[in-house]
């Protein structure tokens, strides 16, 4: 949560709506170029953080979708990722997933699997996996 319980995207929407209404003449608050300049400056200042927030969301969704039904070969054993979710917990990125396997997975198998997943990310991940054995 941001200031006053608003997310950064909420603030961006509010500023953009306010600016639009004022430019179209629905508000008497901005009658001078100076006031309009401040509104444009405020909008420009939040555009960059909004862009990076949007970029993070899109990247997260792409990774989650690409892992659905993804098969990984680890030490001769196939691991299928089902229902992957990426989220932040404090200052760490956490990946929670269900994985399907036909054979018993050892600690070495899980470590190799973690290394394969980690290659796709620049920051260190915490991986929480629920292993489901299938016949």
N, C-alpha and C. Protein backbone atom coordinates (compact mmCIF):
# COMPACT_ATOMS: atom_id res chain seq x y z
N UNK A 1 0.83 -1.17 0.00
CA UNK A 1 0.00 0.00 0.00
C UNK A 1 0.87 1.24 0.00
N UNK A 2 0.43 2.19 -0.71
CA UNK A 2 1.14 3.46 -0.80
C UNK A 2 0.59 4.45 0.21
N UNK A 3 0.79 5.71 -0.09
CA UNK A 3 0.33 6.79 0.77
C UNK A 3 -1.20 6.76 0.84
N UNK A 4 -1.76 6.91 2.04
CA UNK A 4 -3.20 6.94 2.27
C UNK A 4 -3.91 5.70 1.75
N UNK A 5 -3.23 4.59 1.69
CA UNK A 5 -3.85 3.36 1.25
C UNK A 5 -4.00 3.24 -0.26
N UNK A 6 -3.36 4.12 -1.02
CA UNK A 6 -3.46 4.08 -2.47
C UNK A 6 -2.22 3.46 -3.07
N UNK A 7 -2.40 2.65 -4.07
CA UNK A 7 -1.29 2.09 -4.82
C UNK A 7 -0.79 3.15 -5.79
N UNK A 8 0.43 2.98 -6.29
CA UNK A 8 1.00 3.91 -7.25
C UNK A 8 0.15 4.00 -8.51
N UNK A 9 -0.41 2.89 -8.95
CA UNK A 9 -1.25 2.91 -10.14
C UNK A 9 -2.54 3.71 -9.89
N UNK A 10 -3.08 3.64 -8.65
CA UNK A 10 -4.27 4.42 -8.32
C UNK A 10 -3.98 5.92 -8.40
N UNK A 11 -2.82 6.31 -7.89
CA UNK A 11 -2.44 7.72 -7.94
C UNK A 11 -2.30 8.17 -9.40
N UNK A 12 -1.70 7.34 -10.22
CA UNK A 12 -1.55 7.68 -11.63
C UNK A 12 -2.88 7.86 -12.33
N UNK A 13 -3.83 7.00 -12.03
CA UNK A 13 -5.16 7.10 -12.62
C UNK A 13 -5.85 8.38 -12.16
N UNK A 14 -5.73 8.70 -10.86
CA UNK A 14 -6.35 9.92 -10.34
C UNK A 14 -5.76 11.18 -10.97
N UNK A 15 -4.44 11.23 -11.07
CA UNK A 15 -3.80 12.41 -11.65
C UNK A 15 -4.16 12.54 -13.13
N UNK A 16 -4.14 11.43 -13.86
CA UNK A 16 -4.50 11.48 -15.28
C UNK A 16 -5.94 11.93 -15.48
N UNK A 17 -6.85 11.43 -14.66
CA UNK A 17 -8.26 11.83 -14.77
C UNK A 17 -8.43 13.31 -14.44
N UNK A 18 -7.78 13.77 -13.37
CA UNK A 18 -7.86 15.17 -12.99
C UNK A 18 -7.32 16.06 -14.10
N UNK A 19 -6.18 15.70 -14.64
CA UNK A 19 -5.59 16.49 -15.72
C UNK A 19 -6.51 16.52 -16.94
N UNK A 20 -7.08 15.39 -17.28
CA UNK A 20 -7.98 15.33 -18.44
C UNK A 20 -9.20 16.22 -18.24
N UNK A 21 -9.82 16.14 -17.07
CA UNK A 21 -11.00 16.98 -16.82
C UNK A 21 -10.64 18.46 -16.83
N UNK A 22 -9.49 18.78 -16.31
CA UNK A 22 -9.10 20.20 -16.27
C UNK A 22 -8.76 20.72 -17.65
N UNK A 23 -8.07 19.92 -18.44
CA UNK A 23 -7.73 20.36 -19.81
C UNK A 23 -8.99 20.52 -20.65
N UNK A 24 -9.97 19.67 -20.45
CA UNK A 24 -11.22 19.74 -21.21
C UNK A 24 -12.16 20.84 -20.69
N UNK A 25 -11.78 21.52 -19.60
CA UNK A 25 -12.57 22.65 -19.11
C UNK A 25 -13.63 22.30 -18.11
N UNK A 26 -13.63 21.11 -17.54
CA UNK A 26 -14.63 20.74 -16.55
C UNK A 26 -14.27 21.20 -15.14
N UNK A 27 -13.10 21.80 -14.97
CA UNK A 27 -12.68 22.28 -13.67
C UNK A 27 -12.11 23.68 -13.81
N UNK A 28 -12.47 24.53 -12.89
CA UNK A 28 -11.97 25.91 -12.92
C UNK A 28 -10.66 26.03 -12.16
N UNK A 29 -10.14 24.95 -11.63
CA UNK A 29 -8.94 25.00 -10.79
C UNK A 29 -7.70 25.41 -11.58
N UNK A 30 -7.62 25.04 -12.85
CA UNK A 30 -6.45 25.40 -13.65
C UNK A 30 -6.89 26.39 -14.72
N UNK A 31 -6.56 27.64 -14.48
CA UNK A 31 -6.87 28.67 -15.46
C UNK A 31 -5.59 29.25 -16.05
N UNK A 32 -4.49 29.01 -15.39
CA UNK A 32 -3.23 29.58 -15.90
C UNK A 32 -2.34 28.48 -16.45
N UNK A 33 -1.38 28.90 -17.24
CA UNK A 33 -0.42 27.94 -17.79
C UNK A 33 0.46 27.37 -16.69
N UNK A 34 0.70 28.15 -15.66
CA UNK A 34 1.55 27.69 -14.56
C UNK A 34 0.89 26.50 -13.85
N UNK A 35 -0.37 26.58 -13.55
CA UNK A 35 -1.09 25.49 -12.90
C UNK A 35 -1.12 24.24 -13.76
N UNK A 36 -1.33 24.45 -15.07
CA UNK A 36 -1.33 23.33 -16.00
C UNK A 36 0.06 22.70 -16.06
N UNK A 37 1.09 23.53 -16.00
CA UNK A 37 2.48 23.04 -16.00
C UNK A 37 2.76 22.14 -14.81
N UNK A 38 2.26 22.54 -13.62
CA UNK A 38 2.43 21.71 -12.43
C UNK A 38 1.74 20.36 -12.58
N UNK A 39 0.55 20.39 -13.15
CA UNK A 39 -0.20 19.14 -13.35
C UNK A 39 0.54 18.22 -14.32
N UNK A 40 1.07 18.78 -15.40
CA UNK A 40 1.82 17.98 -16.37
C UNK A 40 3.10 17.44 -15.74
N UNK A 41 3.78 18.26 -14.93
CA UNK A 41 4.99 17.82 -14.25
C UNK A 41 4.69 16.66 -13.29
N UNK A 42 3.59 16.78 -12.54
CA UNK A 42 3.22 15.70 -11.62
C UNK A 42 2.93 14.42 -12.38
N UNK A 43 2.25 14.53 -13.51
CA UNK A 43 1.96 13.35 -14.32
C UNK A 43 3.25 12.73 -14.86
N UNK A 44 4.18 13.57 -15.31
CA UNK A 44 5.45 13.06 -15.83
C UNK A 44 6.25 12.36 -14.73
N UNK A 45 6.16 12.87 -13.50
CA UNK A 45 6.93 12.29 -12.40
C UNK A 45 6.43 10.89 -12.02
N UNK A 46 5.17 10.61 -12.23
CA UNK A 46 4.67 9.28 -11.86
C UNK A 46 4.65 8.33 -13.05
N UNK A 47 4.89 8.84 -14.24
CA UNK A 47 4.86 7.99 -15.42
C UNK A 47 5.95 6.92 -15.38
N UNK A 48 7.15 7.29 -14.98
CA UNK A 48 8.27 6.35 -14.96
C UNK A 48 8.03 5.21 -13.96
N UNK A 49 7.67 5.51 -12.70
CA UNK A 49 7.39 4.38 -11.78
C UNK A 49 6.23 3.51 -12.25
N UNK A 50 5.22 4.13 -12.84
CA UNK A 50 4.10 3.35 -13.35
C UNK A 50 4.55 2.41 -14.46
N UNK A 51 5.43 2.89 -15.33
CA UNK A 51 5.93 2.06 -16.42
C UNK A 51 6.67 0.84 -15.87
N UNK A 52 7.55 1.06 -14.89
CA UNK A 52 8.32 -0.06 -14.35
C UNK A 52 7.42 -1.03 -13.58
N UNK A 53 6.40 -0.53 -12.91
CA UNK A 53 5.45 -1.41 -12.23
C UNK A 53 4.73 -2.27 -13.25
N UNK A 54 4.28 -1.65 -14.33
CA UNK A 54 3.60 -2.37 -15.40
C UNK A 54 4.53 -3.42 -16.00
N UNK A 55 5.79 -3.05 -16.24
CA UNK A 55 6.76 -3.97 -16.83
C UNK A 55 6.98 -5.17 -15.92
N UNK A 56 7.06 -4.96 -14.62
CA UNK A 56 7.22 -6.07 -13.67
C UNK A 56 6.02 -7.01 -13.70
N UNK A 57 4.83 -6.44 -13.76
CA UNK A 57 3.61 -7.25 -13.78
C UNK A 57 3.56 -8.10 -15.04
N UNK A 58 3.89 -7.50 -16.19
CA UNK A 58 3.86 -8.24 -17.45
C UNK A 58 4.89 -9.36 -17.44
N UNK A 59 6.10 -9.07 -16.95
CA UNK A 59 7.14 -10.10 -16.89
C UNK A 59 6.72 -11.25 -15.98
N UNK A 60 6.14 -10.92 -14.84
CA UNK A 60 5.68 -11.95 -13.91
C UNK A 60 4.62 -12.84 -14.56
N UNK A 61 3.66 -12.24 -15.22
CA UNK A 61 2.60 -13.03 -15.87
C UNK A 61 3.16 -13.91 -16.98
N UNK A 62 4.12 -13.39 -17.74
CA UNK A 62 4.71 -14.19 -18.81
C UNK A 62 5.42 -15.41 -18.25
N UNK A 63 6.18 -15.24 -17.17
CA UNK A 63 6.88 -16.37 -16.57
C UNK A 63 5.91 -17.38 -16.01
N UNK A 64 4.87 -16.90 -15.32
CA UNK A 64 3.91 -17.83 -14.74
C UNK A 64 3.21 -18.64 -15.82
N UNK A 65 2.82 -18.00 -16.90
CA UNK A 65 2.14 -18.71 -17.99
C UNK A 65 3.08 -19.65 -18.73
N UNK A 66 4.34 -19.25 -18.90
CA UNK A 66 5.27 -20.10 -19.65
C UNK A 66 5.60 -21.38 -18.87
N UNK A 67 5.45 -21.35 -17.57
CA UNK A 67 5.75 -22.52 -16.76
C UNK A 67 4.59 -23.49 -16.70
N UNK A 68 3.42 -23.08 -17.06
CA UNK A 68 2.28 -23.98 -16.99
C UNK A 68 2.53 -25.16 -17.92
N UNK A 69 2.52 -26.34 -17.38
CA UNK A 69 2.75 -27.58 -18.12
C UNK A 69 4.16 -27.67 -18.71
N UNK A 70 5.10 -26.91 -18.18
CA UNK A 70 6.49 -26.97 -18.64
C UNK A 70 7.13 -28.23 -18.09
N UNK A 71 7.91 -28.89 -18.94
CA UNK A 71 8.62 -30.11 -18.52
C UNK A 71 10.11 -29.80 -18.40
N UNK A 72 10.68 -30.17 -17.28
CA UNK A 72 12.11 -30.02 -17.05
C UNK A 72 12.71 -31.41 -16.91
N UNK A 73 13.84 -31.63 -17.56
CA UNK A 73 14.57 -32.89 -17.42
C UNK A 73 15.68 -32.65 -16.41
N UNK A 74 15.59 -33.34 -15.28
CA UNK A 74 16.56 -33.17 -14.20
C UNK A 74 17.07 -34.54 -13.81
N UNK A 75 18.36 -34.78 -14.06
CA UNK A 75 18.99 -36.05 -13.72
C UNK A 75 18.22 -37.25 -14.27
N UNK A 76 17.75 -37.11 -15.49
CA UNK A 76 17.02 -38.19 -16.15
C UNK A 76 15.58 -38.34 -15.71
N UNK A 77 15.09 -37.43 -14.89
CA UNK A 77 13.71 -37.48 -14.40
C UNK A 77 12.97 -36.25 -14.92
N UNK A 78 11.73 -36.46 -15.36
CA UNK A 78 10.93 -35.34 -15.83
C UNK A 78 10.15 -34.74 -14.67
N UNK A 79 10.18 -33.41 -14.62
CA UNK A 79 9.41 -32.65 -13.64
C UNK A 79 8.50 -31.71 -14.42
N UNK A 80 7.21 -31.75 -14.13
CA UNK A 80 6.24 -30.88 -14.80
C UNK A 80 5.78 -29.84 -13.79
N UNK A 81 5.88 -28.56 -14.19
CA UNK A 81 5.45 -27.47 -13.31
C UNK A 81 3.97 -27.20 -13.57
N UNK A 82 3.23 -27.13 -12.50
CA UNK A 82 1.81 -26.80 -12.58
C UNK A 82 1.50 -25.71 -11.56
N UNK A 83 0.76 -24.72 -11.97
CA UNK A 83 0.31 -23.65 -11.07
C UNK A 83 1.47 -22.89 -10.41
N UNK A 84 2.32 -22.29 -11.21
CA UNK A 84 3.42 -21.48 -10.68
C UNK A 84 2.93 -20.07 -10.37
N UNK A 85 3.41 -19.52 -9.28
CA UNK A 85 3.05 -18.17 -8.87
C UNK A 85 4.30 -17.48 -8.32
N UNK A 86 4.53 -16.25 -8.76
CA UNK A 86 5.67 -15.47 -8.28
C UNK A 86 5.12 -14.30 -7.47
N UNK A 87 5.70 -14.08 -6.29
CA UNK A 87 5.28 -12.94 -5.48
C UNK A 87 6.47 -12.46 -4.65
N UNK A 88 6.33 -11.25 -4.13
CA UNK A 88 7.38 -10.67 -3.28
C UNK A 88 6.99 -10.86 -1.82
N UNK A 89 8.00 -11.24 -1.03
CA UNK A 89 7.83 -11.35 0.41
C UNK A 89 8.99 -10.60 1.04
N UNK A 90 8.68 -9.46 1.58
CA UNK A 90 9.68 -8.51 2.07
C UNK A 90 10.58 -8.12 0.90
N UNK A 91 11.87 -8.41 0.97
CA UNK A 91 12.79 -8.02 -0.10
C UNK A 91 13.17 -9.20 -1.00
N UNK A 92 12.43 -10.30 -0.91
CA UNK A 92 12.76 -11.49 -1.69
C UNK A 92 11.66 -11.83 -2.69
N UNK A 93 12.06 -12.46 -3.79
CA UNK A 93 11.10 -13.00 -4.73
C UNK A 93 10.88 -14.46 -4.37
N UNK A 94 9.63 -14.85 -4.26
CA UNK A 94 9.27 -16.21 -3.89
C UNK A 94 8.48 -16.83 -5.03
N UNK A 95 8.84 -18.06 -5.38
CA UNK A 95 8.11 -18.81 -6.38
C UNK A 95 7.44 -19.97 -5.66
N UNK A 96 6.12 -20.00 -5.77
CA UNK A 96 5.35 -21.11 -5.19
C UNK A 96 4.78 -21.90 -6.36
N UNK A 97 4.98 -23.22 -6.33
CA UNK A 97 4.52 -24.03 -7.45
C UNK A 97 4.17 -25.44 -7.01
N UNK A 98 3.34 -26.05 -7.82
CA UNK A 98 3.08 -27.49 -7.70
C UNK A 98 3.89 -28.15 -8.80
N UNK A 99 4.62 -29.19 -8.46
CA UNK A 99 5.36 -29.93 -9.48
C UNK A 99 4.91 -31.38 -9.48
N UNK A 100 4.84 -31.93 -10.68
CA UNK A 100 4.43 -33.32 -10.86
C UNK A 100 5.65 -34.14 -11.24
N UNK A 101 5.77 -35.31 -10.65
CA UNK A 101 6.90 -36.19 -10.97
C UNK A 101 6.43 -37.64 -10.90
N UNK A 102 7.01 -38.46 -11.77
CA UNK A 102 6.69 -39.89 -11.76
C UNK A 102 7.63 -40.67 -10.84
N UNK A 103 8.85 -40.17 -10.70
CA UNK A 103 9.85 -40.86 -9.88
C UNK A 103 10.15 -40.05 -8.63
N UNK A 104 10.63 -40.73 -7.63
CA UNK A 104 10.99 -40.06 -6.37
C UNK A 104 12.11 -39.06 -6.63
N UNK A 105 11.95 -37.84 -6.13
CA UNK A 105 12.95 -36.79 -6.31
C UNK A 105 13.85 -36.71 -5.09
N UNK A 106 15.14 -36.66 -5.34
CA UNK A 106 16.12 -36.54 -4.26
C UNK A 106 16.44 -35.06 -4.04
N UNK A 107 17.20 -34.79 -3.00
CA UNK A 107 17.64 -33.42 -2.71
C UNK A 107 18.47 -32.89 -3.88
N UNK A 108 19.33 -33.73 -4.48
CA UNK A 108 20.13 -33.31 -5.64
C UNK A 108 19.24 -32.95 -6.82
N UNK A 109 18.19 -33.74 -7.04
CA UNK A 109 17.25 -33.43 -8.12
C UNK A 109 16.61 -32.06 -7.91
N UNK A 110 16.19 -31.80 -6.68
CA UNK A 110 15.54 -30.53 -6.37
C UNK A 110 16.51 -29.36 -6.48
N UNK A 111 17.76 -29.56 -6.08
CA UNK A 111 18.76 -28.50 -6.22
C UNK A 111 19.04 -28.19 -7.69
N UNK A 112 19.15 -29.23 -8.52
CA UNK A 112 19.36 -29.02 -9.95
C UNK A 112 18.16 -28.32 -10.59
N UNK A 113 16.96 -28.70 -10.16
CA UNK A 113 15.75 -28.06 -10.65
C UNK A 113 15.74 -26.57 -10.27
N UNK A 114 16.12 -26.28 -9.03
CA UNK A 114 16.19 -24.88 -8.58
C UNK A 114 17.18 -24.08 -9.41
N UNK A 115 18.32 -24.67 -9.73
CA UNK A 115 19.31 -23.98 -10.57
C UNK A 115 18.75 -23.67 -11.95
N UNK A 116 17.99 -24.60 -12.53
CA UNK A 116 17.38 -24.36 -13.84
C UNK A 116 16.38 -23.22 -13.78
N UNK A 117 15.60 -23.17 -12.73
CA UNK A 117 14.63 -22.08 -12.56
C UNK A 117 15.36 -20.76 -12.33
N UNK A 118 16.39 -20.79 -11.50
CA UNK A 118 17.12 -19.57 -11.12
C UNK A 118 17.78 -18.90 -12.32
N UNK A 119 18.15 -19.66 -13.35
CA UNK A 119 18.80 -19.09 -14.54
C UNK A 119 17.93 -18.04 -15.24
N UNK A 120 16.62 -18.10 -15.04
CA UNK A 120 15.71 -17.18 -15.69
C UNK A 120 15.53 -15.87 -14.93
N UNK A 121 16.16 -15.74 -13.77
CA UNK A 121 15.97 -14.56 -12.94
C UNK A 121 17.31 -13.95 -12.55
N UNK A 122 17.32 -12.63 -12.42
CA UNK A 122 18.54 -11.95 -12.02
C UNK A 122 18.69 -11.96 -10.50
N UNK A 123 17.57 -11.92 -9.77
CA UNK A 123 17.62 -11.93 -8.31
C UNK A 123 17.47 -13.36 -7.79
N UNK A 124 18.04 -13.59 -6.61
CA UNK A 124 17.95 -14.92 -6.01
C UNK A 124 16.51 -15.20 -5.60
N UNK A 125 16.06 -16.41 -5.86
CA UNK A 125 14.69 -16.82 -5.58
C UNK A 125 14.61 -17.72 -4.37
N UNK A 126 13.47 -17.67 -3.73
CA UNK A 126 13.10 -18.67 -2.74
C UNK A 126 12.03 -19.51 -3.44
N UNK A 127 12.25 -20.81 -3.53
CA UNK A 127 11.31 -21.67 -4.23
C UNK A 127 10.61 -22.57 -3.22
N UNK A 128 9.29 -22.50 -3.26
CA UNK A 128 8.47 -23.37 -2.43
C UNK A 128 7.69 -24.29 -3.37
N UNK A 129 8.00 -25.57 -3.29
CA UNK A 129 7.41 -26.53 -4.21
C UNK A 129 6.60 -27.58 -3.46
N UNK A 130 5.45 -27.83 -3.97
CA UNK A 130 4.61 -28.92 -3.51
C UNK A 130 4.76 -30.05 -4.53
N UNK A 131 5.35 -31.16 -4.13
CA UNK A 131 5.61 -32.25 -5.05
C UNK A 131 4.43 -33.21 -5.05
N UNK A 132 3.92 -33.47 -6.24
CA UNK A 132 2.81 -34.40 -6.41
C UNK A 132 3.32 -35.55 -7.28
N UNK A 133 3.31 -36.75 -6.73
CA UNK A 133 3.77 -37.92 -7.48
C UNK A 133 2.58 -38.50 -8.26
N UNK A 134 2.84 -38.75 -9.55
CA UNK A 134 1.79 -39.29 -10.41
C UNK A 134 2.20 -40.67 -10.90
N UNK A 135 1.23 -41.45 -11.30
CA UNK A 135 1.51 -42.80 -11.80
C UNK A 135 1.65 -42.80 -13.29
